[in-house]
Every structure is written in C-alpha cells, then in structure tokens.
Amino acid sequence: MNRTQLFRATGILFVIFAVSINIPYWLLTKNFEYDDILRRPPEYVLTRFHAGGTGLILTWFAFAILALLFIPASTLLQKLLSREDTPYLATATLMGVISGVLQAVGLMRWVFVIPVLAKIYVNPTATDSTRAAVLVVFQAVHQYGGVVIGEQLGQTLLVGWTIGVGIAMLQSSVFKPWVGWMGLASVPLWILGQSEFFATVIERAPVLETAPIGFMLWEMWLIVVGVFLLRKNGGRRIVA
C-alpha cells in the first residue's frame, strides 16, 4: 500500500466510523429511550426491550459491529504517526484495539443475553420467583457487561489511546497542532464523566454528566482527523 492509499484508507475509516456509529445510536434513542432507559427499573427495561422485537436486537447488533471499525482505523493511524520519538504509540494503539473489542462485547449483551431474559420475564406463565431471578441476572449482566466491560474499561482504554495519539499529533507533519489539542480536550470530560459509573455502587456519589459532551467532541475530532487525512497527499511507499 503506497502512502497516498494509506492516507485515504485511514481517513475513510475514521469518517465512516464517526458518522455510522451515530445511526444505531439515533435509532436507539428514538425506539428504545436510550440512554435514559439505562437508569429505569429493570422490569421496565426488559418489558420495553421485548416490545422492540427483532428490529431492536438488530439495531444493537449493528451498534456492536460498527464499534469494531475503530480497530483497523486506529491501527492504520499508528503507521502514519509513528516516529522515533513516539515509542508509546504502540501501547496507545493496543489500548485502542482492546477498547474497540471491549465495547463491542459490552454491546453484544443486548443481542444474545438480554433478549433471552426479556422473553422469560414477559412470559405470562412465569412465576413471581422466576421473574425475580431474571431481574437479578439482568442487573448482574448489565452491571458487568455494560458498566465494567463496555463503559469503564472500554472508555478508560479509549482515553489512553486519545492521549497517546493526541500527543503524537502535536509534533506530527501530518496534522496541525490544534488537531491534537482538540482530541486531548475531550479527555478531562471523559474522566470526570466516569463518576456516573461509581454512582451505581456508591450511594450519594457526585455525578458529573460530562461524558456525553466529551463523546460528541471526540466524534467531531475523529471526523476532523479523517478529513485531514483525505486531504493529505502522501508520496512515499509504505510496506503494509
């Protein structure tokens, strides 16, 4: 792959990822009250989920699959940013790859686990004890698969990737320094937003709802990164 092709492929991946990931997200806000529904009682979530049918399951599946696009995008970006003074980029890229996997795994619970629980819960022949057991399982799966794996670990690793890439951009000939600072500006918002996760287990813990703002800024940054790469003309040949 020559350098021009590498710029183009990486830019396209970043733009597609940043834009397409919002399609299932928008559908979930429209059809499933996402993400406010995550703070609703489990019995309401399961009933509402079952009512969504096959379309809702496929929306979650698309959400999870699109999260995996971040893996090749972040891997290709390392090739463009890697220099002798950026040995940390390999670690940052690994963090980005693992983050993509973890977030996809966390989202997949809505595809292969929650539908089973919802079906059992709404079954008219289910006993009260069965429904109570389903609620306990749902809460455990939701807390571990969602909060621990997808959100806390996934987002923490994504913050690490953003820091590594942002710093590398500050001295890069590919990007203007302000592009790197734009990515780094999202980091404090994500870190403060993690207070919401601790609030699920620590009573009266303060909640700073800055993560949505940080995520929107981060997505805008990815689009800027993609546009920069698409407009860049590389001349040297790269061994892929």
C-alpha atoms as a PDB file:
ATOM      1  CA  MET A   1       0.000   0.000   0.000  1.00  0.00           C
ATOM      2  CA  ASN A   2       1.508   3.338  -1.001  1.00  0.00           C
ATOM      3  CA  ARG A   3       1.342   6.337   1.271  1.00  0.00           C
ATOM      4  CA  THR A   4      -1.476   8.058  -0.606  1.00  0.00           C
ATOM      5  CA  GLN A   5      -3.610   4.932  -0.349  1.00  0.00           C
ATOM      6  CA  LEU A   6      -2.818   4.647   3.355  1.00  0.00           C
ATOM      7  CA  PHE A   7      -3.893   8.243   3.985  1.00  0.00           C
ATOM      8  CA  ARG A   8      -7.092   7.693   2.023  1.00  0.00           C
ATOM      9  CA  ALA A   9      -7.994   4.361   3.628  1.00  0.00           C
ATOM     10  CA  THR A  10      -7.377   5.647   7.148  1.00  0.00           C
ATOM     11  CA  GLY A  11      -9.311   8.855   6.539  1.00  0.00           C
ATOM     12  CA  ILE A  12     -12.282   6.982   5.095  1.00  0.00           C
ATOM     13  CA  LEU A  13     -12.348   4.585   8.045  1.00  0.00           C
ATOM     14  CA  PHE A  14     -12.361   7.388  10.601  1.00  0.00           C
ATOM     15  CA  VAL A  15     -15.129   9.314   8.852  1.00  0.00           C
ATOM     16  CA  ILE A  16     -17.247   6.199   8.311  1.00  0.00           C
ATOM     17  CA  PHE A  17     -16.798   5.118  11.934  1.00  0.00           C
ATOM     18  CA  ALA A  18     -17.622   8.529  13.416  1.00  0.00           C
ATOM     19  CA  VAL A  19     -20.694   9.009  11.219  1.00  0.00           C
ATOM     20  CA  SER A  20     -22.092   5.474  11.062  1.00  0.00           C
ATOM     21  CA  ILE A  21     -21.858   4.796  14.806  1.00  0.00           C
ATOM     22  CA  ASN A  22     -24.471   7.509  15.299  1.00  0.00           C
ATOM     23  CA  ILE A  23     -27.060   5.745  13.128  1.00  0.00           C
ATOM     24  CA  PRO A  24     -27.845   2.879  15.554  1.00  0.00           C
ATOM     25  CA  TYR A  25     -27.411   5.313  18.435  1.00  0.00           C
ATOM     26  CA  TRP A  26     -30.083   7.591  16.946  1.00  0.00           C
ATOM     27  CA  LEU A  27     -32.381   4.630  16.303  1.00  0.00           C
ATOM     28  CA  LEU A  28     -31.993   3.515  19.917  1.00  0.00           C
ATOM     29  CA  THR A  29     -32.833   6.985  21.240  1.00  0.00           C
ATOM     30  CA  LYS A  30     -35.910   7.012  19.018  1.00  0.00           C
ATOM     31  CA  ASN A  31     -37.130   3.449  19.556  1.00  0.00           C
ATOM     32  CA  PHE A  32     -35.731   2.465  22.958  1.00  0.00           C
ATOM     33  CA  GLU A  33     -35.426   5.688  25.003  1.00  0.00           C
ATOM     34  CA  TYR A  34     -31.646   5.237  25.005  1.00  0.00           C
ATOM     35  CA  ASP A  35     -29.703   6.069  27.037  1.00  0.00           C
ATOM     36  CA  ASP A  36     -32.148   7.332  29.682  1.00  0.00           C
ATOM     37  CA  ILE A  37     -33.661   3.848  29.811  1.00  0.00           C
ATOM     38  CA  LEU A  38     -30.462   2.534  31.404  1.00  0.00           C
ATOM     39  CA  ARG A  39     -31.496   4.313  34.596  1.00  0.00           C
ATOM     40  CA  ARG A  40     -35.039   2.933  34.584  1.00  0.00           C
ATOM     41  CA  PRO A  41     -36.178  -0.066  36.715  1.00  0.00           C
ATOM     42  CA  PRO A  42     -35.063  -3.455  35.277  1.00  0.00           C
ATOM     43  CA  GLU A  43     -38.632  -4.668  34.860  1.00  0.00           C
ATOM     44  CA  TYR A  44     -39.395  -1.668  32.662  1.00  0.00           C
ATOM     45  CA  VAL A  45     -36.245  -2.185  30.578  1.00  0.00           C
ATOM     46  CA  LEU A  46     -36.981  -5.861  29.946  1.00  0.00           C
ATOM     47  CA  THR A  47     -40.614  -5.241  29.039  1.00  0.00           C
ATOM     48  CA  ARG A  48     -39.705  -2.357  26.768  1.00  0.00           C
ATOM     49  CA  PHE A  49     -36.915  -4.369  25.160  1.00  0.00           C
ATOM     50  CA  HIS A  50     -39.162  -7.327  24.383  1.00  0.00           C
ATOM     51  CA  ALA A  51     -41.679  -4.969  22.777  1.00  0.00           C
ATOM     52  CA  GLY A  52     -38.935  -3.752  20.432  1.00  0.00           C
ATOM     53  CA  GLY A  53     -38.750  -7.142  18.744  1.00  0.00           C
ATOM     54  CA  THR A  54     -36.251  -8.251  16.122  1.00  0.00           C
ATOM     55  CA  GLY A  55     -35.607  -4.727  14.856  1.00  0.00           C
ATOM     56  CA  LEU A  56     -34.287  -3.632  18.242  1.00  0.00           C
ATOM     57  CA  ILE A  57     -31.987  -6.639  18.511  1.00  0.00           C
ATOM     58  CA  LEU A  58     -30.554  -5.976  15.041  1.00  0.00           C
ATOM     59  CA  THR A  59     -30.012  -2.320  15.922  1.00  0.00           C
ATOM     60  CA  TRP A  60     -27.912  -3.337  18.908  1.00  0.00           C
ATOM     61  CA  PHE A  61     -26.044  -5.818  16.709  1.00  0.00           C
ATOM     62  CA  ALA A  62     -25.213  -3.088  14.203  1.00  0.00           C
ATOM     63  CA  PHE A  63     -24.068  -0.840  17.058  1.00  0.00           C
ATOM     64  CA  ALA A  64     -21.677  -3.538  18.300  1.00  0.00           C
ATOM     65  CA  ILE A  65     -20.307  -4.391  14.848  1.00  0.00           C
ATOM     66  CA  LEU A  66     -19.705  -0.742  13.949  1.00  0.00           C
ATOM     67  CA  ALA A  67     -17.704  -0.318  17.168  1.00  0.00           C
ATOM     68  CA  LEU A  68     -15.206  -2.793  15.703  1.00  0.00           C
ATOM     69  CA  LEU A  69     -14.406  -0.380  12.843  1.00  0.00           C
ATOM     70  CA  PHE A  70     -12.304   1.538  15.331  1.00  0.00           C
ATOM     71  CA  ILE A  71      -9.790  -1.324  15.393  1.00  0.00           C
ATOM     72  CA  PRO A  72      -8.490  -1.044  11.788  1.00  0.00           C
ATOM     73  CA  ALA A  73      -8.787   2.758  11.877  1.00  0.00           C
ATOM     74  CA  SER A  74      -6.590   3.122  14.964  1.00  0.00           C
ATOM     75  CA  THR A  75      -4.121   0.521  13.654  1.00  0.00           C
ATOM     76  CA  LEU A  76      -3.637   2.318  10.336  1.00  0.00           C
ATOM     77  CA  LEU A  77      -3.295   5.693  12.057  1.00  0.00           C
ATOM     78  CA  GLN A  78      -0.327   4.375  14.019  1.00  0.00           C
ATOM     79  CA  LYS A  79       1.521   3.790  10.736  1.00  0.00           C
ATOM     80  CA  LEU A  80       1.051   7.430   9.774  1.00  0.00           C
ATOM     81  CA  LEU A  81       2.006   8.891  13.159  1.00  0.00           C
ATOM     82  CA  SER A  82       4.777   6.532  14.223  1.00  0.00           C
ATOM     83  CA  ARG A  83       8.198   8.191  14.579  1.00  0.00           C
ATOM     84  CA  GLU A  84      11.369   7.508  16.557  1.00  0.00           C
ATOM     85  CA  ASP A  85      10.154   9.832  19.314  1.00  0.00           C
ATOM     86  CA  THR A  86       6.737   8.122  19.627  1.00  0.00           C
ATOM     87  CA  PRO A  87       7.525   4.664  21.068  1.00  0.00           C
ATOM     88  CA  TYR A  88       4.387   4.997  23.215  1.00  0.00           C
ATOM     89  CA  LEU A  89       2.160   4.843  20.128  1.00  0.00           C
ATOM     90  CA  ALA A  90       2.322   1.044  20.017  1.00  0.00           C
ATOM     91  CA  THR A  91       0.884   0.895  23.539  1.00  0.00           C
ATOM     92  CA  ALA A  92      -1.723   3.536  22.742  1.00  0.00           C
ATOM     93  CA  THR A  93      -2.805   1.622  19.632  1.00  0.00           C
ATOM     94  CA  LEU A  94      -3.088  -1.609  21.611  1.00  0.00           C
ATOM     95  CA  MET A  95      -5.300   0.234  24.090  1.00  0.00           C
ATOM     96  CA  GLY A  96      -7.487   1.454  21.225  1.00  0.00           C
ATOM     97  CA  VAL A  97      -7.806  -2.033  19.759  1.00  0.00           C
ATOM     98  CA  ILE A  98      -8.719  -3.606  23.097  1.00  0.00           C
ATOM     99  CA  SER A  99     -11.174  -0.772  23.743  1.00  0.00           C
ATOM    100  CA  GLY A 100     -12.959  -1.499  20.463  1.00  0.00           C
ATOM    101  CA  VAL A 101     -13.249  -5.176  21.372  1.00  0.00           C
ATOM    102  CA  LEU A 102     -14.478  -4.479  24.916  1.00  0.00           C
ATOM    103  CA  GLN A 103     -17.107  -2.007  23.805  1.00  0.00           C
ATOM    104  CA  ALA A 104     -18.377  -4.426  21.156  1.00  0.00           C
ATOM    105  CA  VAL A 105     -18.525  -7.208  23.766  1.00  0.00           C
ATOM    106  CA  GLY A 106     -20.418  -4.948  26.148  1.00  0.00           C
ATOM    107  CA  LEU A 107     -22.957  -4.033  23.474  1.00  0.00           C
ATOM    108  CA  MET A 108     -23.415  -7.644  22.418  1.00  0.00           C
ATOM    109  CA  ARG A 109     -25.172  -8.396  25.701  1.00  0.00           C
ATOM    110  CA  TRP A 110     -28.219  -6.684  24.158  1.00  0.00           C
ATOM    111  CA  VAL A 111     -28.057  -9.113  21.232  1.00  0.00           C
ATOM    112  CA  PHE A 112     -27.531 -12.519  22.827  1.00  0.00           C
ATOM    113  CA  VAL A 113     -28.308 -12.216  26.547  1.00  0.00           C
ATOM    114  CA  ILE A 114     -30.951  -9.562  27.232  1.00  0.00           C
ATOM    115  CA  PRO A 115     -33.430 -10.920  24.620  1.00  0.00           C
ATOM    116  CA  VAL A 116     -33.457 -14.283  26.425  1.00  0.00           C
ATOM    117  CA  LEU A 117     -34.043 -12.652  29.800  1.00  0.00           C
ATOM    118  CA  ALA A 118     -36.752 -10.370  28.407  1.00  0.00           C
ATOM    119  CA  LYS A 119     -38.588 -13.299  26.819  1.00  0.00           C
ATOM    120  CA  ILE A 120     -38.587 -15.217  30.110  1.00  0.00           C
ATOM    121  CA  TYR A 121     -39.661 -12.160  32.086  1.00  0.00           C
ATOM    122  CA  VAL A 122     -42.703 -11.307  29.938  1.00  0.00           C
ATOM    123  CA  ASN A 123     -43.827 -14.924  29.599  1.00  0.00           C
ATOM    124  CA  PRO A 124     -47.328 -14.990  31.133  1.00  0.00           C
ATOM    125  CA  THR A 125     -46.651 -18.427  32.632  1.00  0.00           C
ATOM    126  CA  ALA A 126     -43.551 -17.223  34.512  1.00  0.00           C
ATOM    127  CA  THR A 127     -43.859 -17.318  38.294  1.00  0.00           C
ATOM    128  CA  ASP A 128     -43.007 -14.412  40.570  1.00  0.00           C
ATOM    129  CA  SER A 129     -39.868 -16.218  41.723  1.00  0.00           C
ATOM    130  CA  THR A 130     -38.777 -16.726  38.117  1.00  0.00           C
ATOM    131  CA  ARG A 131     -39.251 -13.056  37.321  1.00  0.00           C
ATOM    132  CA  ALA A 132     -37.366 -12.084  40.459  1.00  0.00           C
ATOM    133  CA  ALA A 133     -34.470 -14.331  39.432  1.00  0.00           C
ATOM    134  CA  VAL A 134     -34.461 -12.806  35.929  1.00  0.00           C
ATOM    135  CA  LEU A 135     -34.221  -9.308  37.394  1.00  0.00           C
ATOM    136  CA  VAL A 136     -31.195 -10.304  39.482  1.00  0.00           C
ATOM    137  CA  VAL A 137     -29.475 -11.864  36.458  1.00  0.00           C
ATOM    138  CA  PHE A 138     -30.281  -8.828  34.331  1.00  0.00           C
ATOM    139  CA  GLN A 139     -28.780  -6.455  36.872  1.00  0.00           C
ATOM    140  CA  ALA A 140     -25.622  -8.555  37.139  1.00  0.00           C
ATOM    141  CA  VAL A 141     -25.206  -8.840  33.363  1.00  0.00           C
ATOM    142  CA  HIS A 142     -25.979  -5.165  32.854  1.00  0.00           C
ATOM    143  CA  GLN A 143     -23.568  -4.025  35.556  1.00  0.00           C
ATOM    144  CA  TYR A 144     -20.707  -6.277  34.491  1.00  0.00           C
ATOM    145  CA  GLY A 145     -21.166  -6.343  30.722  1.00  0.00           C
ATOM    146  CA  GLY A 146     -22.195  -2.717  30.418  1.00  0.00           C
ATOM    147  CA  VAL A 147     -20.672  -0.671  33.217  1.00  0.00           C
ATOM    148  CA  VAL A 148     -17.500  -2.698  33.847  1.00  0.00           C
ATOM    149  CA  ILE A 149     -16.534  -4.019  30.409  1.00  0.00           C
ATOM    150  CA  GLY A 150     -18.085  -1.695  27.854  1.00  0.00           C
ATOM    151  CA  GLU A 151     -18.069   1.605  29.666  1.00  0.00           C
ATOM    152  CA  GLN A 152     -15.486   1.749  32.448  1.00  0.00           C
ATOM    153  CA  LEU A 153     -12.723  -0.417  30.946  1.00  0.00           C
ATOM    154  CA  GLY A 154     -13.605   0.379  27.337  1.00  0.00           C
ATOM    155  CA  GLN A 155     -13.683   4.126  27.883  1.00  0.00           C
ATOM    156  CA  THR A 156     -10.600   4.165  30.100  1.00  0.00           C
ATOM    157  CA  LEU A 157      -8.581   2.455  27.378  1.00  0.00           C
ATOM    158  CA  LEU A 158     -10.059   4.835  24.805  1.00  0.00           C
ATOM    159  CA  VAL A 159      -8.883   7.754  26.922  1.00  0.00           C
ATOM    160  CA  GLY A 160      -5.383   6.229  26.895  1.00  0.00           C
ATOM    161  CA  TRP A 161      -5.499   5.925  23.109  1.00  0.00           C
ATOM    162  CA  THR A 162      -6.703   9.512  22.737  1.00  0.00           C
ATOM    163  CA  ILE A 163      -3.906  10.827  24.953  1.00  0.00           C
ATOM    164  CA  GLY A 164      -1.219   8.900  23.057  1.00  0.00           C
ATOM    165  CA  VAL A 165      -2.492   9.882  19.613  1.00  0.00           C
ATOM    166  CA  GLY A 166      -3.174  13.475  20.644  1.00  0.00           C
ATOM    167  CA  ILE A 167       0.369  13.956  21.941  1.00  0.00           C
ATOM    168  CA  ALA A 168       1.831  12.369  18.793  1.00  0.00           C
ATOM    169  CA  MET A 169      -0.203  14.771  16.657  1.00  0.00           C
ATOM    170  CA  LEU A 170       1.286  17.829  18.339  1.00  0.00           C
ATOM    171  CA  GLN A 171       4.656  17.233  16.654  1.00  0.00           C
ATOM    172  CA  SER A 172       3.380  15.499  13.529  1.00  0.00           C
ATOM    173  CA  SER A 173       3.843  16.796   9.990  1.00  0.00           C
ATOM    174  CA  VAL A 174       0.525  15.202   9.071  1.00  0.00           C
ATOM    175  CA  PHE A 175      -1.687  17.267  11.386  1.00  0.00           C
ATOM    176  CA  LYS A 176      -1.839  20.825  12.649  1.00  0.00           C
ATOM    177  CA  PRO A 177      -1.126  21.043  16.415  1.00  0.00           C
ATOM    178  CA  TRP A 178      -4.679  22.220  17.126  1.00  0.00           C
ATOM    179  CA  VAL A 179      -5.993  18.853  15.896  1.00  0.00           C
ATOM    180  CA  GLY A 180      -4.034  17.118  18.630  1.00  0.00           C
ATOM    181  CA  TRP A 181      -5.258  19.594  21.239  1.00  0.00           C
ATOM    182  CA  MET A 182      -8.830  19.036  20.108  1.00  0.00           C
ATOM    183  CA  GLY A 183      -8.545  15.347  20.904  1.00  0.00           C
ATOM    184  CA  LEU A 184      -6.813  15.993  24.226  1.00  0.00           C
ATOM    185  CA  ALA A 185      -9.578  18.444  25.204  1.00  0.00           C
ATOM    186  CA  SER A 186     -12.083  15.580  25.315  1.00  0.00           C
ATOM    187  CA  VAL A 187     -10.051  13.617  27.874  1.00  0.00           C
ATOM    188  CA  PRO A 188     -10.946  15.593  31.055  1.00  0.00           C
ATOM    189  CA  LEU A 189     -14.639  15.422  30.123  1.00  0.00           C
ATOM    190  CA  TRP A 190     -14.472  11.637  29.807  1.00  0.00           C
ATOM    191  CA  ILE A 191     -12.541  11.229  33.037  1.00  0.00           C
ATOM    192  CA  LEU A 192     -14.990  13.381  35.014  1.00  0.00           C
ATOM    193  CA  GLY A 193     -17.904  11.581  33.367  1.00  0.00           C
ATOM    194  CA  GLN A 194     -16.770   8.283  34.863  1.00  0.00           C
ATOM    195  CA  SER A 195     -18.211   9.493  38.159  1.00  0.00           C
ATOM    196  CA  GLU A 196     -21.528   8.201  36.800  1.00  0.00           C
ATOM    197  CA  PHE A 197     -20.205   4.639  36.911  1.00  0.00           C
ATOM    198  CA  PHE A 198     -19.159   4.906  40.552  1.00  0.00           C
ATOM    199  CA  ALA A 199     -22.572   6.337  41.387  1.00  0.00           C
ATOM    200  CA  THR A 200     -24.059   2.942  40.509  1.00  0.00           C
ATOM    201  CA  VAL A 201     -22.295   1.373  43.514  1.00  0.00           C
ATOM    202  CA  ILE A 202     -21.516   4.267  45.873  1.00  0.00           C
ATOM    203  CA  GLU A 203     -24.528   5.857  47.475  1.00  0.00           C
ATOM    204  CA  ARG A 204     -24.783   9.635  47.087  1.00  0.00           C
ATOM    205  CA  ALA A 205     -21.636   9.769  44.965  1.00  0.00           C
ATOM    206  CA  PRO A 206     -21.456  13.015  42.979  1.00  0.00           C
ATOM    207  CA  VAL A 207     -22.313  12.622  39.299  1.00  0.00           C
ATOM    208  CA  LEU A 208     -20.765  14.855  36.647  1.00  0.00           C
ATOM    209  CA  GLU A 209     -22.555  14.230  33.352  1.00  0.00           C
ATOM    210  CA  THR A 210     -19.694  15.400  31.147  1.00  0.00           C
ATOM    211  CA  ALA A 211     -19.157  12.151  29.223  1.00  0.00           C
ATOM    212  CA  PRO A 212     -21.800  12.889  26.528  1.00  0.00           C
ATOM    213  CA  ILE A 213     -20.150  16.246  25.835  1.00  0.00           C
ATOM    214  CA  GLY A 214     -16.730  14.602  25.735  1.00  0.00           C
ATOM    215  CA  PHE A 215     -18.004  11.919  23.381  1.00  0.00           C
ATOM    216  CA  MET A 216     -19.514  14.460  20.975  1.00  0.00           C
ATOM    217  CA  LEU A 217     -16.263  16.444  20.955  1.00  0.00           C
ATOM    218  CA  TRP A 218     -14.323  13.204  20.421  1.00  0.00           C
ATOM    219  CA  GLU A 219     -16.506  12.191  17.465  1.00  0.00           C
ATOM    220  CA  MET A 220     -16.084  15.621  15.895  1.00  0.00           C
ATOM    221  CA  TRP A 221     -12.348  15.209  16.363  1.00  0.00           C
ATOM    222  CA  LEU A 222     -12.379  11.857  14.566  1.00  0.00           C
ATOM    223  CA  ILE A 223     -14.147  13.457  11.608  1.00  0.00           C
ATOM    224  CA  VAL A 224     -11.551  16.259  11.558  1.00  0.00           C
ATOM    225  CA  VAL A 225      -8.795  13.628  11.644  1.00  0.00           C
ATOM    226  CA  GLY A 226     -10.431  11.795   8.739  1.00  0.00           C
ATOM    227  CA  VAL A 227     -10.812  14.965   6.674  1.00  0.00           C
ATOM    228  CA  PHE A 228      -7.158  15.923   7.280  1.00  0.00           C
ATOM    229  CA  LEU A 229      -6.033  12.508   6.084  1.00  0.00           C
ATOM    230  CA  LEU A 230      -8.246  12.571   2.993  1.00  0.00           C
ATOM    231  CA  ARG A 231      -6.835  15.955   2.001  1.00  0.00           C
ATOM    232  CA  LYS A 232      -3.246  14.908   2.608  1.00  0.00           C
ATOM    233  CA  ASN A 233      -1.093  13.750  -0.263  1.00  0.00           C
ATOM    234  CA  GLY A 234       1.467  11.118   0.732  1.00  0.00           C
ATOM    235  CA  GLY A 235       4.223  10.273  -1.663  1.00  0.00           C
ATOM    236  CA  ARG A 236       6.432   7.618  -0.070  1.00  0.00           C
ATOM    237  CA  ARG A 237       5.653   3.942  -0.259  1.00  0.00           C
ATOM    238  CA  ILE A 238       4.798   2.037   2.903  1.00  0.00           C
ATOM    239  CA  VAL A 239       5.105  -1.669   3.489  1.00  0.00           C
ATOM    240  CA  ALA A 240       1.823  -2.816   4.994  1.00  0.00           C
END
